[in-house]
Amino acid sequence: MALDVLIVDDSAAIRKILQRVLMQTEMTFGEIQEAADGLEAIEKLKQRQFNLVLSEINMPNMDGIQLLGQMRANAQWSNIPVVMITTEGSQAKVLEAVDLGARGYVRKPFTANQIKEKLIGLV
């Protein structure tokens, strides 16, 4: 089954890098969409169903923690696996994401293998 993925990061460069990294994992992906922050991600989630969300924690307008909270509070999105991909140095923020239901996290900079390890078995 091809996985439809939403990549949420305020850096366009990181979003493009993540797309390339996903292709290097040898997993099968369908549509990969991007959002620059949590608000844009919510709009994308309203438009279509995704199998996976990769999200930065620190973003303007709505950060990854707030996005994750809204996803878990919405029955349509509550079971979508979310992996945090972040520069966040604070263990407390990362633990907050895990407590809200993030299925894992990867610190930047990352490798294709690190991403693949987090994704295997999630979806």
Protein backbone atom coordinates (compact mmCIF):
# COMPACT_ATOMS: atom_id res chain seq x y z
CA MET A 1 0.00 0.00 0.00
CA ALA A 2 1.31 3.44 -0.93
CA LEU A 3 1.47 5.84 2.00
CA ASP A 4 0.18 9.38 1.67
CA VAL A 5 2.35 11.67 3.79
CA LEU A 6 2.03 15.22 5.10
CA ILE A 7 5.34 16.95 5.89
CA VAL A 8 4.96 19.93 8.22
CA ASP A 9 7.97 22.24 8.67
CA ASP A 10 8.43 25.99 8.39
CA SER A 11 11.59 25.45 6.32
CA ALA A 12 10.91 24.76 2.62
CA ALA A 13 14.43 23.33 2.34
CA ILE A 14 13.80 20.79 5.13
CA ARG A 15 10.48 19.79 3.53
CA LYS A 16 12.27 19.06 0.25
CA ILE A 17 15.06 17.17 2.04
CA LEU A 18 12.47 15.05 3.84
CA GLN A 19 10.79 14.22 0.55
CA ARG A 20 14.13 13.02 -0.86
CA VAL A 21 14.87 11.07 2.32
CA LEU A 22 11.48 9.34 2.13
CA MET A 23 12.30 8.18 -1.39
CA GLN A 24 15.62 6.77 -0.12
CA THR A 25 13.85 4.59 2.46
CA GLU A 26 12.65 2.20 -0.27
CA MET A 27 9.16 2.34 1.23
CA THR A 28 6.18 2.89 -1.08
CA PHE A 29 4.73 6.38 -0.98
CA GLY A 30 1.73 7.80 -2.76
CA GLU A 31 1.12 11.51 -2.50
CA ILE A 32 3.47 13.62 -0.38
CA GLN A 33 2.12 17.04 0.55
CA GLU A 34 3.72 19.88 2.48
CA ALA A 35 2.58 22.45 5.02
CA ALA A 36 4.60 25.37 6.42
CA ASP A 37 2.99 25.31 9.87
CA GLY A 38 0.28 23.65 11.93
CA LEU A 39 -2.49 25.89 10.61
CA GLU A 40 -1.72 24.95 7.02
CA ALA A 41 -1.46 21.30 8.07
CA ILE A 42 -4.97 21.43 9.59
CA GLU A 43 -6.32 22.79 6.29
CA LYS A 44 -4.60 19.94 4.38
CA LEU A 45 -5.98 17.38 6.84
CA LYS A 46 -9.49 18.75 6.28
CA GLN A 47 -9.09 18.22 2.52
CA ARG A 48 -7.84 14.62 2.49
CA GLN A 49 -6.74 11.63 4.55
CA PHE A 50 -3.05 10.99 5.20
CA ASN A 51 -1.40 7.78 6.44
CA LEU A 52 1.47 9.60 8.15
CA VAL A 53 2.45 13.08 9.36
CA LEU A 54 6.06 14.18 9.84
CA SER A 55 6.15 17.42 11.82
CA GLU A 56 8.66 19.87 13.23
CA ILE A 57 7.94 20.97 16.81
CA ASN A 58 9.01 24.62 16.54
CA MET A 59 7.01 26.56 13.93
CA PRO A 60 5.22 29.91 13.81
CA ASN A 61 1.42 30.31 13.96
CA MET A 62 0.76 26.78 15.25
CA ASP A 63 3.64 24.61 16.43
CA GLY A 64 3.92 20.84 16.17
CA ILE A 65 2.73 20.27 19.75
CA GLN A 66 -0.45 22.27 19.10
CA LEU A 67 -0.96 20.47 15.79
CA LEU A 68 -0.56 17.10 17.48
CA GLY A 69 -3.04 18.10 20.20
CA GLN A 70 -5.64 19.11 17.61
CA MET A 71 -5.09 15.91 15.65
CA ARG A 72 -5.55 13.73 18.73
CA ALA A 73 -8.73 15.65 19.68
CA ASN A 74 -10.30 15.03 16.24
CA ALA A 75 -11.75 11.55 15.67
CA GLN A 76 -10.89 11.67 11.93
CA TRP A 77 -7.19 12.34 12.58
CA SER A 78 -6.60 10.79 16.00
CA ASN A 79 -5.11 7.54 14.68
CA ILE A 80 -2.77 9.04 12.06
CA PRO A 81 0.81 8.27 13.12
CA VAL A 82 2.83 11.42 13.78
CA VAL A 83 6.63 11.46 13.94
CA MET A 84 8.28 14.63 15.19
CA ILE A 85 11.36 15.72 13.24
CA THR A 86 12.96 18.51 15.18
CA THR A 87 15.88 20.65 16.21
CA GLU A 88 14.25 20.96 19.64
CA GLY A 89 16.90 20.53 22.29
CA SER A 90 14.49 20.48 25.23
CA GLN A 91 13.73 16.96 26.36
CA ALA A 92 10.56 18.31 28.01
CA LYS A 93 9.11 19.40 24.64
CA VAL A 94 9.93 16.06 23.06
CA LEU A 95 8.35 14.20 25.99
CA GLU A 96 5.27 16.44 25.73
CA ALA A 97 4.91 15.37 22.09
CA VAL A 98 5.27 11.70 23.02
CA ASP A 99 2.71 12.14 25.83
CA LEU A 100 0.29 13.62 23.28
CA GLY A 101 0.68 10.55 21.12
CA ALA A 102 3.63 11.18 18.81
CA ARG A 103 4.90 7.78 17.64
CA GLY A 104 8.50 8.91 17.89
CA TYR A 105 10.90 11.65 17.01
CA VAL A 106 14.07 12.21 15.04
CA ARG A 107 16.50 15.02 15.74
CA LYS A 108 17.89 17.13 12.92
CA PRO A 109 20.22 16.55 11.19
CA PHE A 110 18.90 13.10 10.28
CA THR A 111 19.74 10.29 7.89
CA ALA A 112 17.45 8.26 5.63
CA ASN A 113 18.12 5.23 7.87
CA GLN A 114 16.97 7.11 10.99
CA ILE A 115 13.74 8.09 9.25
CA LYS A 116 13.19 4.56 7.94
CA GLU A 117 13.74 3.07 11.43
CA LYS A 118 11.01 5.33 12.85
CA LEU A 119 8.57 4.56 10.04
CA ILE A 120 8.86 0.77 9.93
CA GLY A 121 5.90 -0.73 11.71
CA LEU A 122 4.07 2.59 12.15
CA VAL A 123 1.78 2.42 9.19
